[in-house]
């Protein structure tokens, strides 16, 4: 994979840098700047090399020009982090945007940066049309893909523009692909995979692809709920995905797949919480559900995690946003962090997973905290990501 370091002279060159600034915004301010901070090494590298940096990102799903999804809060955050002025090229009408943007970029000095307005303000972005990709490419001399979290998107600003410009990986993309390749291609044994969350359609392919490599696969969240439901347990109002009944039964029967032995059940609002053993014949009221793994499961999973030399975690163990159902997910986060960096090579990723890691201030203790949720899962599932393919 070619990276930005392979270009010896950036001075005066226009770099179209596709980052992922799809961050939570509240009342006009960035609520969590994790993804922005992760992009800084590439941005600073290019600025120091004298490049003219044109930053591209999306924010949310605006479906057209919608000021609620402006990147202005991101611009302010970038200015504060870089400690220098960053302009925003606003988009009034998508059809006139590239002409207006080109005029602004022409004025840009070497070693300075501009931010394009939310690229999804144009519907052509996600349609990956050649005409849109070509016009976007005309704003720069070189394309840099740094947003690993969008590498699984077949969009104009991710894969389309690479048809018209020399394409290189940024430092963040390089870091994440190297780390995940280390897991997929040469994980040091024992390899422990922890999978939770609710989206069965993204987790099942990972289970299948890593089944032969992983020594132990620890399950929680909606995946575990679906397994218990498929086995005929009374799961009440628990989150389950009935489409995957046969697959989860088949995968769950494998010896290396470890399911919870107890769970915290209760009402969705956190009331009536109690621990129950997960055994055939367990009955949960229709008004209640499984919302966390129990203390015995935490102790069981801790034994496996503490033995790992390679450790991958994606997905919450339950409804972690609601007290008292956060303890299982918090415990897994602390266990993964305590085992990483020196004892095991630890990787964690996914929106919920990163949220918990950030809440507990554990990011610095884990070898790789991936910015990608869907991209990380598709990579681990062995799929070819359009953004990475475009760099070859």
Protein backbone atom coordinates (compact mmCIF):
# COMPACT_ATOMS: atom_id res chain seq x y z
CA UNK A 1 0.00 0.00 0.00
CA UNK A 2 1.42 3.37 -1.03
CA UNK A 3 1.39 5.95 1.76
CA UNK A 4 1.88 9.70 1.98
CA UNK A 5 5.51 9.08 3.00
CA UNK A 6 6.24 7.66 -0.46
CA UNK A 7 5.92 11.12 -2.03
CA UNK A 8 9.22 12.93 -1.51
CA UNK A 9 8.09 16.43 -2.45
CA UNK A 10 4.66 17.63 -1.32
CA UNK A 11 5.45 21.32 -1.54
CA UNK A 12 2.79 23.20 -3.48
CA UNK A 13 0.82 20.06 -4.30
CA UNK A 14 -2.92 20.02 -3.66
CA UNK A 15 -3.80 17.03 -1.47
CA UNK A 16 -7.44 15.94 -1.39
CA UNK A 17 -7.60 14.27 2.03
CA UNK A 18 -10.65 12.10 2.70
CA UNK A 19 -10.98 11.91 6.47
CA UNK A 20 -13.82 10.73 8.67
CA UNK A 21 -15.19 13.64 10.66
CA UNK A 22 -18.58 12.00 11.17
CA UNK A 23 -18.62 12.93 14.85
CA UNK A 24 -21.41 13.62 17.35
CA UNK A 25 -22.45 17.28 17.32
CA UNK A 26 -24.66 18.89 19.95
CA UNK A 27 -25.83 22.51 19.94
CA UNK A 28 -23.28 23.45 17.30
CA UNK A 29 -20.31 21.90 19.13
CA UNK A 30 -18.40 18.66 18.59
CA UNK A 31 -19.29 16.40 21.50
CA UNK A 32 -16.48 13.86 20.98
CA UNK A 33 -13.44 14.77 18.86
CA UNK A 34 -11.85 11.27 18.91
CA UNK A 35 -12.03 10.79 15.14
CA UNK A 36 -10.77 14.30 14.45
CA UNK A 37 -7.78 13.79 16.75
CA UNK A 38 -6.97 10.48 15.04
CA UNK A 39 -6.72 12.29 11.69
CA UNK A 40 -4.26 14.92 12.97
CA UNK A 41 -0.98 13.02 12.28
CA UNK A 42 -1.73 12.86 8.54
CA UNK A 43 -2.97 16.46 8.37
CA UNK A 44 0.04 17.78 10.29
CA UNK A 45 2.43 15.71 8.18
CA UNK A 46 1.06 17.14 4.93
CA UNK A 47 1.01 20.70 6.27
CA UNK A 48 4.61 20.38 7.47
CA UNK A 49 5.61 19.13 4.01
CA UNK A 50 4.16 22.27 2.42
CA UNK A 51 1.10 20.70 0.81
CA UNK A 52 -2.17 22.53 0.21
CA UNK A 53 -4.58 20.31 2.14
CA UNK A 54 -8.21 20.08 1.03
CA UNK A 55 -10.16 18.14 3.66
CA UNK A 56 -13.23 16.10 2.69
CA UNK A 57 -15.74 14.40 4.97
CA UNK A 58 -19.41 13.69 5.50
CA UNK A 59 -21.49 14.24 8.62
CA UNK A 60 -24.65 12.22 9.17
CA UNK A 61 -27.17 11.49 6.44
CA UNK A 62 -28.44 14.90 5.27
CA UNK A 63 -30.04 13.75 2.00
CA UNK A 64 -29.15 17.06 0.34
CA UNK A 65 -28.14 20.53 1.52
CA UNK A 66 -29.20 20.72 5.18
CA UNK A 67 -27.58 23.26 7.50
CA UNK A 68 -28.18 20.98 10.50
CA UNK A 69 -25.38 18.83 9.09
CA UNK A 70 -22.85 21.56 8.32
CA UNK A 71 -19.18 20.84 9.05
CA UNK A 72 -18.77 24.25 10.71
CA UNK A 73 -18.46 22.66 14.21
CA UNK A 74 -15.76 20.36 12.80
CA UNK A 75 -13.95 23.35 11.31
CA UNK A 76 -13.87 25.04 14.72
CA UNK A 77 -12.59 21.86 16.34
CA UNK A 78 -9.85 21.51 13.70
CA UNK A 79 -8.76 25.11 14.23
CA UNK A 80 -8.49 24.55 17.98
CA UNK A 81 -6.54 21.30 17.59
CA UNK A 82 -4.21 22.53 14.82
CA UNK A 83 -3.92 26.01 16.37
CA UNK A 84 -4.18 27.62 12.97
CA UNK A 85 -6.91 28.94 10.71
CA UNK A 86 -8.94 26.43 8.70
CA UNK A 87 -11.47 27.75 6.19
CA UNK A 88 -14.78 26.11 5.28
CA UNK A 89 -15.94 26.23 1.67
CA UNK A 90 -19.71 26.40 2.06
CA UNK A 91 -22.09 24.71 -0.35
CA UNK A 92 -25.11 26.74 -1.43
CA UNK A 93 -25.95 24.87 -4.61
CA UNK A 94 -24.26 21.52 -5.36
CA UNK A 95 -24.19 22.26 -9.11
CA UNK A 96 -21.99 25.34 -8.58
CA UNK A 97 -19.87 23.96 -5.77
CA UNK A 98 -16.78 22.71 -7.57
CA UNK A 99 -16.28 25.99 -9.43
CA UNK A 100 -16.56 27.95 -6.17
CA UNK A 101 -14.31 25.49 -4.34
CA UNK A 102 -11.63 25.62 -7.05
CA UNK A 103 -11.48 29.41 -6.75
CA UNK A 104 -10.94 29.18 -2.97
CA UNK A 105 -8.31 26.43 -3.28
CA UNK A 106 -6.38 28.53 -5.82
CA UNK A 107 -5.89 31.15 -3.08
CA UNK A 108 -4.67 28.58 -0.54
CA UNK A 109 -1.05 28.99 0.57
CA UNK A 110 1.40 26.12 0.94
CA UNK A 111 1.15 24.43 4.33
CA UNK A 112 -2.45 25.53 4.92
CA UNK A 113 -5.75 23.65 4.99
CA UNK A 114 -9.33 24.14 3.81
CA UNK A 115 -12.38 22.05 4.65
CA UNK A 116 -15.01 21.29 2.03
CA UNK A 117 -18.62 21.40 3.21
CA UNK A 118 -20.36 18.10 4.00
CA UNK A 119 -19.77 16.03 0.86
CA UNK A 120 -23.13 14.30 1.31
CA UNK A 121 -24.90 17.59 0.63
CA UNK A 122 -24.63 16.29 -2.93
CA UNK A 123 -26.56 13.06 -3.51
CA UNK A 124 -24.03 12.15 -6.22
CA UNK A 125 -21.46 11.40 -3.50
CA UNK A 126 -23.06 8.12 -2.41
CA UNK A 127 -24.09 7.26 -5.97
CA UNK A 128 -20.37 7.35 -6.91
CA UNK A 129 -21.06 8.82 -10.33
CA UNK A 130 -18.07 9.28 -12.64
CA UNK A 131 -18.90 12.90 -13.40
CA UNK A 132 -19.03 13.86 -9.71
CA UNK A 133 -15.85 11.90 -8.93
CA UNK A 134 -14.02 13.55 -11.83
CA UNK A 135 -15.06 17.07 -10.79
CA UNK A 136 -13.98 16.35 -7.22
CA UNK A 137 -10.61 15.09 -8.47
CA UNK A 138 -10.02 18.32 -10.40
CA UNK A 139 -9.66 20.14 -7.07
CA UNK A 140 -6.37 18.37 -6.33
CA UNK A 141 -3.17 16.79 -7.62
CA UNK A 142 -3.09 13.78 -5.27
CA UNK A 143 -5.77 11.85 -3.38
CA UNK A 144 -5.15 10.69 0.20
CA UNK A 145 -7.54 8.28 1.90
CA UNK A 146 -7.12 8.48 5.67
CA UNK A 147 -10.62 7.70 6.97
CA UNK A 148 -10.53 3.96 7.63
CA UNK A 149 -14.08 4.22 8.97
CA UNK A 150 -15.35 5.03 5.45
CA UNK A 151 -13.09 2.62 3.54
CA UNK A 152 -15.98 0.15 3.16
CA UNK A 153 -18.07 2.79 1.34
CA UNK A 154 -18.12 2.72 -2.46
CA UNK A 155 -18.55 6.50 -2.70
CA UNK A 156 -17.07 9.21 -4.90
CA UNK A 157 -14.87 10.69 -2.18
CA UNK A 158 -13.65 7.24 -1.09
CA UNK A 159 -13.11 5.10 -4.18
CA UNK A 160 -14.41 7.13 -7.14
CA UNK A 161 -11.88 9.94 -7.04
CA UNK A 162 -9.03 7.39 -7.09
CA UNK A 163 -9.95 6.64 -10.71
CA UNK A 164 -8.71 10.10 -11.68
CA UNK A 165 -5.87 10.89 -9.26
CA UNK A 166 -2.77 9.14 -7.90
CA UNK A 167 -4.05 7.63 -4.63
CA UNK A 168 -2.17 7.15 -1.36
CA UNK A 169 -2.99 6.00 2.16
CA UNK A 170 -2.80 8.38 5.08
CA UNK A 171 -1.03 7.52 8.33
CA UNK A 172 -4.23 6.57 10.16
CA UNK A 173 -5.40 4.27 7.38
CA UNK A 174 -1.97 2.64 7.33
CA UNK A 175 -2.03 2.14 11.13
CA UNK A 176 -5.49 0.57 11.15
CA UNK A 177 -4.99 -1.74 8.18
CA UNK A 178 -1.66 -2.95 9.55
CA UNK A 179 -3.16 -3.64 12.96
CA UNK A 180 -6.17 -5.51 11.62
CA UNK A 181 -4.02 -7.42 9.11
CA UNK A 182 -1.94 -8.59 12.06
CA UNK A 183 -5.10 -10.14 13.49
CA UNK A 184 -6.42 -11.68 10.28
CA UNK A 185 -3.14 -12.92 8.83
CA UNK A 186 -0.93 -13.80 11.78
CA UNK A 187 -2.61 -13.65 15.17
CA UNK A 188 -0.35 -14.89 17.98
CA UNK A 189 -2.10 -17.63 19.95
CA UNK A 190 -4.14 -17.78 22.10
CA UNK A 191 -6.44 -15.53 20.08
CA UNK A 192 -9.57 -14.38 21.94
CA UNK A 193 -12.43 -12.64 20.10
CA UNK A 194 -15.13 -10.80 22.09
CA UNK A 195 -18.29 -10.05 20.11
CA UNK A 196 -21.38 -8.22 21.30
CA UNK A 197 -23.77 -5.60 20.01
CA UNK A 198 -27.04 -5.96 18.17
CA UNK A 199 -26.30 -6.10 14.43
CA UNK A 200 -26.24 -9.81 13.68
CA UNK A 201 -25.80 -9.27 9.94
CA UNK A 202 -22.36 -7.70 10.53
CA UNK A 203 -21.19 -10.08 13.29
CA UNK A 204 -22.07 -13.45 11.72
CA UNK A 205 -19.55 -13.02 8.82
CA UNK A 206 -16.82 -12.19 11.37
CA UNK A 207 -17.67 -15.30 13.37
CA UNK A 208 -17.44 -17.42 10.24
CA UNK A 209 -14.19 -15.91 8.97
CA UNK A 210 -12.32 -16.01 12.29
CA UNK A 211 -13.76 -19.29 13.59
CA UNK A 212 -10.75 -21.32 12.47
CA UNK A 213 -8.21 -18.79 13.79
CA UNK A 214 -9.70 -17.79 17.13
CA UNK A 215 -9.15 -20.05 20.14
CA UNK A 216 -12.07 -18.65 22.12
CA UNK A 217 -15.02 -16.49 21.02
CA UNK A 218 -16.85 -14.77 23.88
CA UNK A 219 -20.39 -13.68 23.07
CA UNK A 220 -22.68 -11.03 24.55
CA UNK A 221 -25.43 -8.58 23.65
CA UNK A 222 -28.03 -9.31 21.00
CA UNK A 223 -26.00 -12.21 19.58
CA UNK A 224 -26.22 -14.08 22.89
CA UNK A 225 -29.91 -13.20 23.26
CA UNK A 226 -30.63 -14.61 19.80
CA UNK A 227 -28.77 -17.81 20.65
CA UNK A 228 -30.77 -18.31 23.85
CA UNK A 229 -34.03 -17.60 22.02
CA UNK A 230 -33.08 -20.07 19.29
CA UNK A 231 -32.39 -22.71 21.96
CA UNK A 232 -35.91 -22.26 23.29
CA UNK A 233 -35.11 -20.22 26.38
CA UNK A 234 -37.77 -17.79 27.56
CA UNK A 235 -36.12 -14.43 26.79
CA UNK A 236 -39.07 -12.09 27.32
CA UNK A 237 -38.58 -8.69 25.65
CA UNK A 238 -34.88 -9.28 24.93
CA UNK A 239 -33.44 -8.00 21.66
CA UNK A 240 -33.23 -10.93 19.21
CA UNK A 241 -32.81 -11.30 15.44
CA UNK A 242 -34.97 -14.20 14.32
CA UNK A 243 -33.52 -14.21 10.78
CA UNK A 244 -30.33 -15.81 12.03
CA UNK A 245 -31.80 -18.66 14.09
CA UNK A 246 -30.19 -21.56 12.22
CA UNK A 247 -26.82 -19.86 11.77
CA UNK A 248 -26.44 -18.84 15.41
CA UNK A 249 -27.44 -22.32 16.56
CA UNK A 250 -24.81 -23.87 14.30
CA UNK A 251 -22.08 -21.41 15.26
CA UNK A 252 -23.01 -21.38 18.94
CA UNK A 253 -22.63 -25.16 19.11
CA UNK A 254 -18.89 -24.91 18.37
CA UNK A 255 -16.78 -25.66 21.42
CA UNK A 256 -14.70 -22.49 21.13
CA UNK A 257 -17.82 -20.26 21.20
CA UNK A 258 -18.56 -19.28 24.81
CA UNK A 259 -22.02 -18.01 25.77
CA UNK A 260 -23.00 -16.22 29.00
CA UNK A 261 -23.74 -18.48 31.98
CA UNK A 262 -25.73 -15.80 33.78
CA UNK A 263 -27.38 -12.53 32.85
CA UNK A 264 -28.86 -9.36 34.30
CA UNK A 265 -32.55 -9.15 33.51
CA UNK A 266 -35.10 -6.45 34.25
CA UNK A 267 -37.19 -3.70 32.75
CA UNK A 268 -35.81 -1.58 29.92
CA UNK A 269 -35.83 1.48 32.21
CA UNK A 270 -33.40 -0.25 34.59
CA UNK A 271 -35.89 -1.24 37.27
CA UNK A 272 -36.35 -4.77 38.69
CA UNK A 273 -32.77 -5.67 37.73
CA UNK A 274 -31.67 -9.09 38.97
CA UNK A 275 -29.15 -11.79 38.08
CA UNK A 276 -30.38 -15.13 36.72
CA UNK A 277 -28.53 -18.26 35.62
CA UNK A 278 -28.92 -18.94 31.92
CA UNK A 279 -30.12 -22.52 31.78
CA UNK A 280 -32.77 -24.46 29.91
CA UNK A 281 -36.13 -23.71 31.45
CA UNK A 282 -35.30 -20.17 32.55
CA UNK A 283 -38.35 -17.94 32.23
CA UNK A 284 -38.24 -14.19 31.82
CA UNK A 285 -41.42 -12.11 31.99
CA UNK A 286 -42.71 -10.69 28.72
CA UNK A 287 -42.24 -7.19 30.15
CA UNK A 288 -38.58 -7.85 31.01
CA UNK A 289 -35.49 -8.74 29.03
CA UNK A 290 -31.80 -9.67 29.12
CA UNK A 291 -29.83 -6.42 29.31
CA UNK A 292 -26.33 -7.41 30.45
CA UNK A 293 -24.03 -10.32 31.17
CA UNK A 294 -23.92 -11.36 34.81
CA UNK A 295 -21.04 -11.44 37.35
CA UNK A 296 -20.30 -15.16 36.84
CA UNK A 297 -19.98 -14.56 33.09
CA UNK A 298 -17.64 -11.62 33.70
CA UNK A 299 -15.41 -13.87 35.83
CA UNK A 300 -15.53 -16.61 33.18
CA UNK A 301 -14.69 -14.22 30.33
CA UNK A 302 -11.90 -12.66 32.43
CA UNK A 303 -10.11 -16.03 32.55
CA UNK A 304 -10.06 -16.26 28.76
CA UNK A 305 -9.08 -12.62 28.24
CA UNK A 306 -6.21 -12.85 30.74
CA UNK A 307 -4.79 -15.81 28.79
CA UNK A 308 -4.86 -14.06 25.39
CA UNK A 309 -1.89 -13.03 23.26
CA UNK A 310 -4.18 -11.56 20.59
CA UNK A 311 -7.40 -9.88 21.68
CA UNK A 312 -10.17 -8.34 19.57
CA UNK A 313 -13.32 -6.73 20.97
CA UNK A 314 -16.31 -5.33 19.07
CA UNK A 315 -19.75 -4.67 20.51
CA UNK A 316 -21.37 -3.99 23.88
CA UNK A 317 -22.37 -6.80 26.22
CA UNK A 318 -25.80 -5.30 26.77
CA UNK A 319 -27.83 -2.12 27.15
CA UNK A 320 -24.81 -0.24 28.51
CA UNK A 321 -26.42 3.19 28.15
CA UNK A 322 -28.87 2.47 30.98
CA UNK A 323 -27.89 1.96 34.63
CA UNK A 324 -27.46 -0.71 36.02
CA UNK A 325 -26.85 -2.56 32.74
CA UNK A 326 -23.42 -1.03 32.04
CA UNK A 327 -21.31 -3.19 34.36
CA UNK A 328 -20.67 -6.07 31.95
CA UNK A 329 -19.51 -3.84 29.10
CA UNK A 330 -17.41 -1.70 31.45
CA UNK A 331 -15.77 -4.84 32.85
CA UNK A 332 -14.87 -6.12 29.38
CA UNK A 333 -13.39 -2.72 28.48
CA UNK A 334 -11.18 -2.74 31.58
CA UNK A 335 -10.12 -6.35 31.01
CA UNK A 336 -9.17 -5.70 27.37
CA UNK A 337 -7.23 -2.56 28.36
CA UNK A 338 -5.38 -4.31 31.20
CA UNK A 339 -4.32 -7.18 28.90
CA UNK A 340 -3.24 -5.00 25.95
CA UNK A 341 0.11 -3.30 25.29
CA UNK A 342 2.81 -5.72 26.33
CA UNK A 343 0.83 -8.79 27.31
CA UNK A 344 -1.45 -9.15 24.29
CA UNK A 345 -1.95 -7.24 21.06
CA UNK A 346 -5.33 -5.66 21.77
CA UNK A 347 -7.75 -4.29 19.18
CA UNK A 348 -11.12 -2.69 19.90
CA UNK A 349 -13.56 -0.92 17.61
CA UNK A 350 -17.14 -0.04 16.82
CA UNK A 351 -19.24 2.94 17.85
CA UNK A 352 -20.50 1.56 21.16
CA UNK A 353 -17.16 -0.03 22.00
CA UNK A 354 -15.19 3.17 21.45
CA UNK A 355 -17.80 5.18 23.36
CA UNK A 356 -17.26 3.02 26.45
CA UNK A 357 -13.47 3.05 26.08
CA UNK A 358 -13.52 6.84 25.84
CA UNK A 359 -15.89 7.14 28.81
CA UNK A 360 -13.52 5.08 30.96
CA UNK A 361 -10.41 6.85 29.56
CA UNK A 362 -8.84 3.58 28.42
CA UNK A 363 -7.90 4.38 24.80
CA UNK A 364 -4.22 4.88 25.56
CA UNK A 365 -4.04 1.40 27.13
CA UNK A 366 -5.20 -0.52 24.02
CA UNK A 367 -2.85 -1.14 21.07
CA UNK A 368 -5.39 -0.21 18.39
CA UNK A 369 -8.70 1.55 18.97
CA UNK A 370 -10.22 1.47 15.50
CA UNK A 371 -12.20 4.44 14.23
CA UNK A 372 -14.21 2.04 12.06
CA UNK A 373 -17.27 0.06 13.06
CA UNK A 374 -18.62 -1.36 9.83
CA UNK A 375 -15.23 -1.09 8.12
CA UNK A 376 -13.50 -2.98 10.91
CA UNK A 377 -16.09 -5.76 10.83
CA UNK A 378 -15.94 -6.09 7.05
CA UNK A 379 -12.14 -6.24 7.18
CA UNK A 380 -12.27 -8.94 9.88
CA UNK A 381 -14.89 -10.80 7.83
CA UNK A 382 -12.40 -11.03 4.97
CA UNK A 383 -14.27 -8.67 2.65
CA UNK A 384 -12.50 -6.38 0.18
CA UNK A 385 -13.07 -2.75 1.13
CA UNK A 386 -13.67 -0.45 -1.88
CA UNK A 387 -11.45 2.28 -0.46
CA UNK A 388 -8.51 -0.07 0.05
CA UNK A 389 -9.02 -1.66 -3.36
CA UNK A 390 -8.84 1.79 -4.95
CA UNK A 391 -5.37 2.33 -3.46
CA UNK A 392 -3.88 -0.74 -5.16
